[in-house]
Structures are given as C-alpha cells and as structure tokens.
Amino acid sequence: MSHQLRALFPLILIAVLALAVTNACVHDPVVVIPNDTIPTDTIPNDTVPVDTANLRICDPDTVYFGRQVLPILVSRCGMDGCHSANSHKDGVILVSYSSVMSTGDIEPGKPSSSEIYKVLLETGNDRMPPPPDAALTADEIALIGKWITQGAQNLNCKDGPTCDTAAVSYTTFVLPLLQANCTGCHGDHNPGGGILLNSYEAVVVSANNGKLTGAINHEAGFKVMPPSGTKLPDCDILKVKAWVAAGAKNN
C-alpha cells in the first residue's frame, strides 16, 4: 500500500461507515390501523365484488355510499360534459368512490370544510350542478352532508329479509327513486341515449317497452342504470317491477 493510500484510508473508512449507517436508518413509513376501527361492511376499493351474503342489514341511521350517495353524484354531476370520466371538468371525476375521494375536496367528518358539499349550497353559476340544471334537493344535500359527517366511508349493506311490494305508488316511490338516480342523466338537459325519465308520460314509455326494468336489473342487452355499475337495492328493483306489472299507473 502506497504512502498516499495509507493516508487516505481513514477517510475512506469513515465515508463507508457513514453511508452504511445512513442506509440503515431509511425505512418505509409504517401505518398502523387498529382492527377495531375498520367496519366489516366497508368495500376496500371499487373493483372488489360485494359479498352480499356477509353484509350487515342496512341501518336506517347510516348513509351507504354506493346505495345512496353515488347515484346522486353520478346522475346529477357525473354525466358527460361535466364530471364524467370522459369529460372530467376541472379535473374532477365523480363516478366512483375512489374518484370522489381522490378530488381532495372531502374532509371526512367535516362537511363545512368539504368543497364538494359547500358547492351544493352555492347560488348562481358557482352552484353544483350549475344552471340550467336544477339544484340538488334539500334532502339530497343533507344526505351527502350526513355521509361526510359519518366519515365519508365506502359502506355497503343488504336489504332485510322482507320487501313490501304491495301497492307501490308512482308518486311516493317510483318518482323519488328516479329523481335521485336517473333524471340527472335523463332529464330535459341533454338526456342520455335520448331517453327521458323526467315525467310520468316519459317514464311509462320505458316501463311498457321493458327498458326501465331491464336497465335497473342489469339484464343482458340493456345499458345498465345507474351507469356507475352499482345496482339499485334488490328491494327497490322488486318494487319497480311490481309497479310495472300492476300497469305502471300514475298513482
């Protein structure tokens, strides 16, 4: 070993040791989630099929994203020309749980700090959906606010063992169901597929030709409705079928 190399050896040794210590201290962050904080009826992502056999019965005090919130967002906000995957206006897509949460506009537990909620309360062109589309109803806004308050979770549930399909009314059941899930895409403003569902006269046409029940039941040959791919609850579908089978009356 030359005299020069001997002189440099201590410096080389110190550099090697420092590098080893630095690398030894670099770790991926560890996130610990207590098991008791994970609800058993949470869908971990948008692509995992729901095992309905192991879901809890729906709790009337709990807001379920796929059943109650997503249909409103898709119908009223996630249509083409606005916040669909194709249009993604302002970079915002509102067609699935992951796309809604990825906006960064929801602060779980705090509706008043969540931009998606706040724009529902705006007026004029700042409102969502903007004019000429109608504003969300007070009940729809309250539902979204309650979902955020409860943690903005992706929860699902199943219907109870009974479903009362007797005397289903257009006014008290079918119309509110369509308004919450369908008329955003099938209203006067650029109706999807040219299909209108914003009046009894328009609805009864789709009821009588089979398109209404075929679409909501996701039958082969029909475009699924709602377009998010999340079927309406089984009991709701049975009630619509019962109403159609009874003559699709304007009752």
Protein backbone atom coordinates (compact mmCIF):
# COMPACT_ATOMS: atom_id res chain seq x y z
CA MET A 1 0.00 0.00 0.00
CA SER A 2 1.47 3.34 -1.04
CA HIS A 3 2.10 6.15 1.41
CA GLN A 4 -0.69 8.23 -0.22
CA LEU A 5 -3.25 5.37 0.04
CA ARG A 6 -2.35 4.79 3.70
CA ALA A 7 -3.01 8.44 4.37
CA LEU A 8 -6.44 8.31 2.67
CA PHE A 9 -7.53 5.02 4.23
CA PRO A 10 -9.04 6.52 7.44
CA LEU A 11 -11.09 8.97 5.37
CA ILE A 12 -12.36 6.19 3.08
CA LEU A 13 -13.31 4.04 6.10
CA ILE A 14 -15.25 6.90 7.70
CA ALA A 15 -17.16 7.54 4.44
CA VAL A 16 -18.12 3.86 4.07
CA LEU A 17 -19.34 3.63 7.66
CA ALA A 18 -21.37 6.84 7.32
CA LEU A 19 -23.07 5.53 4.17
CA ALA A 20 -23.94 2.25 5.87
CA VAL A 21 -25.45 3.99 8.88
CA THR A 22 -27.47 6.33 6.64
CA ASN A 23 -28.96 3.46 4.61
CA ALA A 24 -29.73 1.51 7.77
CA CYS A 25 -31.88 4.37 9.01
CA VAL A 26 -34.04 4.66 5.88
CA HIS A 27 -37.37 2.81 6.21
CA ASP A 28 -40.75 2.91 4.54
CA PRO A 29 -43.29 4.63 6.78
CA VAL A 30 -45.37 2.21 8.82
CA VAL A 31 -49.08 2.92 9.13
CA VAL A 32 -50.87 1.02 11.86
CA ILE A 33 -54.65 0.82 11.64
CA PRO A 34 -56.32 -0.68 14.71
CA ASN A 35 -58.55 -3.60 13.74
CA ASP A 36 -61.48 -2.26 15.71
CA THR A 37 -61.63 0.88 13.54
CA ILE A 38 -62.28 -0.99 10.28
CA PRO A 39 -66.01 -1.55 9.70
CA THR A 40 -66.77 -5.06 8.47
CA ASP A 41 -69.07 -3.76 5.77
CA THR A 42 -66.53 -1.48 4.11
CA ILE A 43 -65.74 -2.11 0.43
CA PRO A 44 -61.95 -1.71 0.17
CA ASN A 45 -62.00 -0.47 -3.43
CA ASP A 46 -64.23 -0.03 -6.44
CA THR A 47 -63.33 -3.28 -8.18
CA VAL A 48 -63.83 -5.84 -5.42
CA PRO A 49 -67.20 -7.59 -5.83
CA VAL A 50 -69.51 -7.25 -2.87
CA ASP A 51 -70.15 -10.44 -0.92
CA THR A 52 -73.78 -9.71 -0.14
CA ALA A 53 -74.15 -12.85 1.99
CA ASN A 54 -71.81 -11.42 4.63
CA LEU A 55 -73.09 -7.84 4.63
CA ARG A 56 -74.97 -6.37 7.54
CA ILE A 57 -78.63 -5.46 7.25
CA CYS A 58 -78.94 -1.78 6.31
CA ASP A 59 -79.06 0.57 9.28
CA PRO A 60 -81.51 3.44 8.66
CA ASP A 61 -79.22 5.80 10.58
CA THR A 62 -76.17 5.02 8.44
CA VAL A 63 -75.51 6.51 5.00
CA TYR A 64 -74.26 3.94 2.47
CA PHE A 65 -72.16 5.47 -0.30
CA GLY A 66 -72.92 3.02 -3.12
CA ARG A 67 -76.63 2.90 -2.41
CA GLN A 68 -77.41 6.49 -1.54
CA VAL A 69 -74.63 8.96 -2.35
CA LEU A 70 -73.03 7.67 -5.55
CA PRO A 71 -76.32 7.54 -7.53
CA ILE A 72 -76.91 11.22 -6.76
CA LEU A 73 -73.38 12.23 -7.75
CA VAL A 74 -73.41 10.17 -10.96
CA SER A 75 -76.87 11.30 -12.03
CA ARG A 76 -76.52 14.97 -11.15
CA CYS A 77 -72.77 15.61 -11.51
CA GLY A 78 -71.01 12.72 -13.25
CA MET A 79 -72.67 12.96 -16.64
CA ASP A 80 -70.80 13.66 -19.89
CA GLY A 81 -69.97 17.33 -20.24
CA CYS A 82 -69.44 17.66 -16.51
CA HIS A 83 -67.62 15.33 -14.10
CA SER A 84 -67.70 12.03 -16.01
CA ALA A 85 -64.55 10.03 -16.73
CA ASN A 86 -64.68 11.32 -20.32
CA SER A 87 -65.26 14.99 -19.53
CA HIS A 88 -63.52 15.35 -16.12
CA LYS A 89 -64.40 19.04 -15.93
CA ASP A 90 -61.81 20.96 -13.86
CA GLY A 91 -60.02 17.63 -13.42
CA VAL A 92 -62.82 16.30 -11.22
CA ILE A 93 -64.41 12.86 -11.79
CA LEU A 94 -67.41 11.83 -9.69
CA VAL A 95 -68.32 8.33 -10.83
CA SER A 96 -66.88 6.05 -8.12
CA TYR A 97 -65.77 6.14 -4.50
CA SER A 98 -62.09 6.33 -5.41
CA SER A 99 -62.60 9.12 -7.94
CA VAL A 100 -64.73 11.12 -5.49
CA MET A 101 -62.21 10.80 -2.68
CA SER A 102 -59.22 11.49 -4.94
CA THR A 103 -60.52 15.01 -5.61
CA GLY A 104 -59.23 16.08 -2.21
CA ASP A 105 -62.46 18.05 -1.82
CA ILE A 106 -63.84 15.94 1.02
CA GLU A 107 -62.68 16.20 4.62
CA PRO A 108 -64.20 13.21 6.43
CA GLY A 109 -66.23 14.30 9.43
CA LYS A 110 -66.39 17.96 8.34
CA PRO A 111 -68.97 18.87 5.69
CA SER A 112 -68.39 22.60 6.18
CA SER A 113 -64.73 22.09 5.22
CA SER A 114 -65.52 19.85 2.23
CA GLU A 115 -65.61 21.68 -1.09
CA ILE A 116 -67.89 19.09 -2.72
CA TYR A 117 -70.50 19.79 -0.05
CA LYS A 118 -70.03 23.56 0.01
CA VAL A 119 -70.63 23.98 -3.74
CA LEU A 120 -74.02 22.31 -3.35
CA LEU A 121 -75.06 25.26 -1.19
CA GLU A 122 -73.80 27.95 -3.55
CA THR A 123 -76.04 30.07 -5.79
CA GLY A 124 -75.78 31.05 -9.44
CA ASN A 125 -73.01 29.63 -11.58
CA ASP A 126 -70.96 28.67 -8.54
CA ARG A 127 -73.54 26.07 -7.57
CA MET A 128 -73.13 22.39 -8.40
CA PRO A 129 -74.75 21.31 -10.59
CA PRO A 130 -74.75 24.72 -12.32
CA PRO A 131 -77.76 26.24 -14.07
CA PRO A 132 -79.71 25.41 -16.15
CA ASP A 133 -79.66 22.09 -14.26
CA ALA A 134 -81.75 22.07 -11.12
CA ALA A 135 -80.07 22.23 -7.72
CA LEU A 136 -79.99 19.16 -5.53
CA THR A 137 -82.92 18.92 -3.16
CA ALA A 138 -82.53 19.80 0.49
CA ASP A 139 -82.86 16.10 1.36
CA GLU A 140 -80.11 15.12 -1.10
CA ILE A 141 -77.75 17.80 0.23
CA ALA A 142 -78.50 16.76 3.82
CA LEU A 143 -77.79 13.12 2.91
CA ILE A 144 -74.38 13.97 1.44
CA GLY A 145 -73.60 16.13 4.47
CA LYS A 146 -74.55 13.26 6.80
CA TRP A 147 -72.34 10.86 4.81
CA ILE A 148 -69.35 13.19 5.22
CA THR A 149 -70.14 13.69 8.92
CA GLN A 150 -70.12 9.92 9.39
CA GLY A 151 -66.61 9.72 7.96
CA ALA A 152 -67.23 9.62 4.18
CA GLN A 153 -66.81 5.85 4.23
CA ASN A 154 -67.44 3.37 1.42
CA LEU A 155 -70.00 1.29 3.25
CA ASN A 156 -72.49 -1.17 1.85
CA CYS A 157 -75.30 -3.24 3.28
CA LYS A 158 -78.07 -5.61 2.28
CA ASP A 159 -81.84 -5.38 2.48
CA GLY A 160 -83.72 -7.05 5.27
CA PRO A 161 -85.50 -10.37 4.73
CA THR A 162 -88.79 -8.73 3.78
CA CYS A 163 -89.70 -6.37 0.94
CA ASP A 164 -93.19 -4.93 0.75
CA THR A 165 -94.11 -4.66 -2.93
CA ALA A 166 -97.82 -4.22 -2.36
CA ALA A 167 -99.47 -1.04 -3.62
CA VAL A 168 -96.28 0.61 -4.92
CA SER A 169 -97.09 4.19 -5.89
CA TYR A 170 -95.53 6.20 -8.71
CA THR A 171 -95.77 9.44 -6.75
CA THR A 172 -94.42 8.23 -3.42
CA PHE A 173 -91.84 5.67 -4.59
CA VAL A 174 -91.05 5.41 -8.31
CA LEU A 175 -90.78 9.16 -8.98
CA PRO A 176 -88.45 9.91 -5.99
CA LEU A 177 -86.33 6.89 -6.91
CA LEU A 178 -85.91 8.10 -10.50
CA GLN A 179 -85.23 11.67 -9.40
CA ALA A 180 -82.43 10.52 -7.11
CA ASN A 181 -80.87 8.06 -9.53
CA CYS A 182 -81.81 8.82 -13.12
CA THR A 183 -83.19 12.20 -14.07
CA GLY A 184 -79.82 13.92 -13.91
CA CYS A 185 -78.83 11.92 -16.99
CA HIS A 186 -82.33 11.54 -18.42
CA GLY A 187 -83.82 15.00 -17.96
CA ASP A 188 -84.54 17.84 -20.38
CA HIS A 189 -80.89 18.89 -20.50
CA ASN A 190 -79.08 16.54 -22.95
CA PRO A 191 -80.89 13.28 -21.99
CA GLY A 192 -78.64 10.22 -22.10
CA GLY A 193 -79.45 7.90 -25.01
CA GLY A 194 -82.33 10.19 -25.90
CA ILE A 195 -84.35 8.64 -23.06
CA LEU A 196 -86.38 10.97 -20.86
CA LEU A 197 -87.43 9.98 -17.34
CA ASN A 198 -88.50 13.38 -16.05
CA SER A 199 -92.28 12.96 -16.32
CA TYR A 200 -94.84 10.22 -15.91
CA GLU A 201 -95.61 10.24 -19.64
CA ALA A 202 -91.93 9.63 -20.44
CA VAL A 203 -91.41 7.05 -17.70
CA VAL A 204 -94.40 4.94 -18.70
CA VAL A 205 -92.99 4.56 -22.22
CA SER A 206 -89.80 2.98 -20.83
CA ALA A 207 -91.85 0.96 -18.36
CA ASN A 208 -94.07 -0.52 -21.07
CA ASN A 209 -91.26 -1.36 -23.52
CA GLY A 210 -89.20 -3.11 -20.84
CA LYS A 211 -86.25 -0.72 -20.93
CA LEU A 212 -86.80 0.57 -17.40
CA THR A 213 -86.75 -2.78 -15.61
CA GLY A 214 -84.15 -4.23 -17.98
CA ALA A 215 -81.75 -1.37 -17.26
CA ILE A 216 -82.12 -1.25 -13.49
CA ASN A 217 -81.88 -5.05 -13.27
CA HIS A 218 -78.70 -5.04 -15.42
CA GLU A 219 -80.16 -7.55 -17.85
CA ALA A 220 -78.28 -8.59 -20.98
CA GLY A 221 -78.87 -6.28 -23.94
CA PHE A 222 -79.64 -3.24 -21.78
CA LYS A 223 -77.37 -0.37 -20.78
CA VAL A 224 -77.01 -0.65 -17.02
CA MET A 225 -78.60 2.03 -14.88
CA PRO A 226 -77.33 3.76 -12.82
CA PRO A 227 -74.28 3.91 -15.11
CA SER A 228 -71.88 3.70 -12.17
CA GLY A 229 -72.41 -0.07 -12.28
CA THR A 230 -73.84 -0.14 -8.75
CA LYS A 231 -77.27 -1.73 -8.97
CA LEU A 232 -80.18 -0.30 -7.11
CA PRO A 233 -81.05 -2.23 -3.96
CA ASP A 234 -82.85 -5.51 -4.71
CA CYS A 235 -85.98 -4.38 -2.87
CA ASP A 236 -86.15 -1.17 -4.94
CA ILE A 237 -85.91 -3.18 -8.15
CA LEU A 238 -88.66 -5.53 -6.98
CA LYS A 239 -90.89 -2.55 -6.17
CA VAL A 240 -90.38 -1.02 -9.63
CA LYS A 241 -91.16 -4.38 -11.25
CA ALA A 242 -94.29 -4.69 -9.13
CA TRP A 243 -95.39 -1.21 -10.18
CA VAL A 244 -94.84 -2.03 -13.86
CA ALA A 245 -96.60 -5.40 -13.54
CA ALA A 246 -99.59 -3.65 -11.94
CA GLY A 247 -99.98 -1.45 -15.00
CA ALA A 248 -97.44 1.33 -14.36
CA LYS A 249 -100.23 3.58 -13.11
CA ASN A 250 -99.88 7.28 -12.39
CA ASN A 251 -100.89 6.79 -8.78
